[in-house]
C-alpha atoms as a PDB file:
ATOM      1  CA  MET A   1      12.597  66.763 -71.066  1.00  0.00           C
ATOM      2  CA  THR A   2      10.824  65.313 -68.095  1.00  0.00           C
ATOM      3  CA  PRO A   3       9.749  67.562 -65.278  1.00  0.00           C
ATOM      4  CA  SER A   4      11.815  67.120 -62.170  1.00  0.00           C
ATOM      5  CA  ARG A   5      10.128  65.698 -59.197  1.00  0.00           C
ATOM      6  CA  PRO A   6      10.371  67.549 -55.925  1.00  0.00           C
ATOM      7  CA  ALA A   7      12.373  65.757 -53.318  1.00  0.00           C
ATOM      8  CA  SER A   8      10.108  63.765 -51.075  1.00  0.00           C
ATOM      9  CA  VAL A   9       9.617  65.303 -47.661  1.00  0.00           C
ATOM     10  CA  PRO A  10       9.675  62.700 -44.948  1.00  0.00           C
ATOM     11  CA  GLY A  11       6.368  62.725 -43.054  1.00  0.00           C
ATOM     12  CA  LEU A  12       5.928  62.503 -39.348  1.00  0.00           C
ATOM     13  CA  GLY A  13       5.516  58.954 -38.207  1.00  0.00           C
ATOM     14  CA  VAL A  14       2.760  57.756 -35.941  1.00  0.00           C
ATOM     15  CA  GLY A  15       5.298  57.159 -33.182  1.00  0.00           C
ATOM     16  CA  THR A  16       6.486  60.751 -33.305  1.00  0.00           C
ATOM     17  CA  VAL A  17       2.935  62.088 -33.139  1.00  0.00           C
ATOM     18  CA  LEU A  18       2.153  59.846 -30.163  1.00  0.00           C
ATOM     19  CA  LEU A  19       5.351  60.889 -28.405  1.00  0.00           C
ATOM     20  CA  VAL A  20       4.553  64.589 -28.858  1.00  0.00           C
ATOM     21  CA  ALA A  21       0.973  64.028 -27.655  1.00  0.00           C
ATOM     22  CA  LEU A  22       2.247  62.188 -24.587  1.00  0.00           C
ATOM     23  CA  LEU A  23       4.713  64.963 -23.826  1.00  0.00           C
ATOM     24  CA  VAL A  24       2.068  67.694 -24.160  1.00  0.00           C
ATOM     25  CA  SER A  25      -0.376  65.683 -22.036  1.00  0.00           C
ATOM     26  CA  SER A  26       2.244  65.190 -19.309  1.00  0.00           C
ATOM     27  CA  VAL A  27       3.097  68.888 -19.187  1.00  0.00           C
ATOM     28  CA  VAL A  28      -0.566  69.914 -19.038  1.00  0.00           C
ATOM     29  CA  SER A  29      -1.250  67.341 -16.298  1.00  0.00           C
ATOM     30  CA  ALA A  30       1.727  68.530 -14.235  1.00  0.00           C
ATOM     31  CA  LEU A  31       0.655  72.169 -14.532  1.00  0.00           C
ATOM     32  CA  THR A  32      -2.920  71.282 -13.586  1.00  0.00           C
ATOM     33  CA  LEU A  33      -1.756  69.307 -10.563  1.00  0.00           C
ATOM     34  CA  TRP A  34       0.491  72.176  -9.435  1.00  0.00           C
ATOM     35  CA  TRP A  35      -2.366  74.682  -9.806  1.00  0.00           C
ATOM     36  CA  LEU A  36      -4.827  72.469  -7.905  1.00  0.00           C
ATOM     37  CA  GLN A  37      -2.315  71.967  -5.080  1.00  0.00           C
ATOM     38  CA  ARG A  38      -1.849  75.733  -4.796  1.00  0.00           C
ATOM     39  CA  GLN A  39      -5.637  76.177  -4.644  1.00  0.00           C
ATOM     40  CA  LEU A  40      -5.888  73.558  -1.875  1.00  0.00           C
ATOM     41  CA  ASP A  41      -3.034  75.121   0.101  1.00  0.00           C
ATOM     42  CA  THR A  42      -4.689  78.524  -0.145  1.00  0.00           C
ATOM     43  CA  ALA A  43      -8.075  77.144   0.892  1.00  0.00           C
ATOM     44  CA  LEU A  44      -6.589  75.352   3.908  1.00  0.00           C
ATOM     45  CA  TRP A  45      -4.660  78.454   4.912  1.00  0.00           C
ATOM     46  CA  LEU A  46      -7.813  80.569   4.766  1.00  0.00           C
ATOM     47  CA  ARG A  47     -10.125  77.932   6.269  1.00  0.00           C
ATOM     48  CA  PRO A  48      -8.184  75.350   8.300  1.00  0.00           C
ATOM     49  CA  PRO A  49      -9.812  72.087   9.368  1.00  0.00           C
ATOM     50  CA  VAL A  50     -11.510  72.342  12.755  1.00  0.00           C
ATOM     51  CA  MET A  51     -11.718  69.849  15.625  1.00  0.00           C
ATOM     52  CA  VAL A  52     -13.540  70.350  18.928  1.00  0.00           C
ATOM     53  CA  LEU A  53     -12.138  68.895  22.166  1.00  0.00           C
ATOM     54  CA  ASP A  54     -14.603  68.175  24.941  1.00  0.00           C
ATOM     55  CA  LEU A  55     -12.650  68.512  28.178  1.00  0.00           C
ATOM     56  CA  SER A  56     -15.688  68.496  30.457  1.00  0.00           C
ATOM     57  CA  ALA A  57     -16.867  64.931  29.735  1.00  0.00           C
ATOM     58  CA  PRO A  58     -13.654  63.156  30.804  1.00  0.00           C
ATOM     59  CA  ALA A  59     -13.207  65.599  33.692  1.00  0.00           C
ATOM     60  CA  ARG A  60     -16.610  64.632  35.111  1.00  0.00           C
ATOM     61  CA  SER A  61     -15.829  60.916  34.957  1.00  0.00           C
ATOM     62  CA  ALA A  62     -12.223  61.115  36.207  1.00  0.00           C
ATOM     63  CA  ALA A  63     -11.029  60.729  39.736  1.00  0.00           C
ATOM     64  CA  LEU A  64      -9.444  63.841  41.186  1.00  0.00           C
ATOM     65  CA  ALA A  65      -5.982  62.246  41.076  1.00  0.00           C
ATOM     66  CA  ASP A  66      -6.356  61.370  37.358  1.00  0.00           C
ATOM     67  CA  LEU A  67      -7.539  64.824  36.323  1.00  0.00           C
ATOM     68  CA  PRO A  68      -4.093  66.440  35.712  1.00  0.00           C
ATOM     69  CA  ALA A  69      -2.952  63.491  33.562  1.00  0.00           C
ATOM     70  CA  ARG A  70      -6.122  63.609  31.467  1.00  0.00           C
ATOM     71  CA  LEU A  71      -5.889  67.365  31.033  1.00  0.00           C
ATOM     72  CA  ARG A  72      -2.230  67.017  29.993  1.00  0.00           C
ATOM     73  CA  ALA A  73      -3.173  64.273  27.481  1.00  0.00           C
ATOM     74  CA  TYR A  74      -5.871  66.483  25.970  1.00  0.00           C
ATOM     75  CA  THR A  75      -3.507  69.464  25.797  1.00  0.00           C
ATOM     76  CA  GLN A  76      -0.853  67.353  24.069  1.00  0.00           C
ATOM     77  CA  ALA A  77      -3.445  66.005  21.610  1.00  0.00           C
ATOM     78  CA  ALA A  78      -4.544  69.569  20.828  1.00  0.00           C
ATOM     79  CA  GLU A  79      -0.932  70.637  20.267  1.00  0.00           C
ATOM     80  CA  ARG A  80      -0.326  67.690  17.910  1.00  0.00           C
ATOM     81  CA  LEU A  81      -3.448  68.567  15.935  1.00  0.00           C
ATOM     82  CA  ALA A  82      -2.425  72.237  15.780  1.00  0.00           C
ATOM     83  CA  ALA A  83       1.031  71.235  14.507  1.00  0.00           C
ATOM     84  CA  GLN A  84      -0.754  69.427  11.659  1.00  0.00           C
ATOM     85  CA  GLY A  85      -2.664  72.591  10.735  1.00  0.00           C
ATOM     86  CA  VAL A  86      -5.917  71.874  12.571  1.00  0.00           C
ATOM     87  CA  LEU A  87      -7.735  74.612  14.472  1.00  0.00           C
ATOM     88  CA  VAL A  88      -8.608  73.124  17.877  1.00  0.00           C
ATOM     89  CA  LEU A  89     -11.479  74.584  19.911  1.00  0.00           C
ATOM     90  CA  GLU A  90     -12.708  73.684  23.376  1.00  0.00           C
ATOM     91  CA  ARG A  91     -16.280  72.361  23.472  1.00  0.00           C
ATOM     92  CA  ASN A  92     -17.472  75.016  25.949  1.00  0.00           C
ATOM     93  CA  ALA A  93     -16.410  77.773  23.527  1.00  0.00           C
ATOM     94  CA  VAL A  94     -18.611  76.330  20.752  1.00  0.00           C
ATOM     95  CA  LEU A  95     -22.377  76.750  20.640  1.00  0.00           C
ATOM     96  CA  ALA A  96     -23.033  73.845  18.276  1.00  0.00           C
ATOM     97  CA  THR A  97     -20.964  71.393  16.264  1.00  0.00           C
ATOM     98  CA  PRO A  98     -21.563  68.324  14.123  1.00  0.00           C
ATOM     99  CA  PRO A  99     -20.687  65.146  16.029  1.00  0.00           C
ATOM    100  CA  ALA A 100     -18.035  64.259  13.441  1.00  0.00           C
ATOM    101  CA  LEU A 101     -15.915  67.224  14.565  1.00  0.00           C
ATOM    102  CA  LEU A 102     -15.836  66.179  18.223  1.00  0.00           C
ATOM    103  CA  VAL A 103     -12.682  64.454  19.446  1.00  0.00           C
ATOM    104  CA  ASN A 104     -13.849  61.974  22.053  1.00  0.00           C
ATOM    105  CA  GLU A 105     -11.986  60.313  24.905  1.00  0.00           C
ATOM    106  CA  ALA A 106     -11.105  57.186  22.923  1.00  0.00           C
ATOM    107  CA  GLU A 107      -9.290  59.283  20.290  1.00  0.00           C
ATOM    108  CA  VAL A 108      -6.991  60.992  22.803  1.00  0.00           C
ATOM    109  CA  PRO A 109      -4.049  58.758  23.747  1.00  0.00           C
ATOM    110  CA  ARG A 110      -3.457  58.217  27.463  1.00  0.00           C
ATOM    111  CA  ALA A 111      -6.596  60.173  28.357  1.00  0.00           C
ATOM    112  CA  THR A 112      -8.266  57.154  29.943  1.00  0.00           C
ATOM    113  CA  PRO A 113      -6.775  55.184  32.833  1.00  0.00           C
END
């Protein structure tokens, strides 16, 4: 009598292993991206980006008749920035700021004649 052989168990193919690895990698990447986005949203909510508007510089160089239009343009620019989540401060309310945070006259639409 010959011993019976156990039925052969089909092994996992290389394709199946790669497919499972790709699926696990995709899920981990999606969860990581979701977590990082939540961290960024929280950080921006706690510490919003800041821009500083300098209203005095264009006011000094403007003619009296142009002053209301320039002030309106600056106010509208500040409102647009605030709608995008930016904290907008007036230059006279700030003691010091890096130059990169200043919004100058060229960056405000319709502020110059």
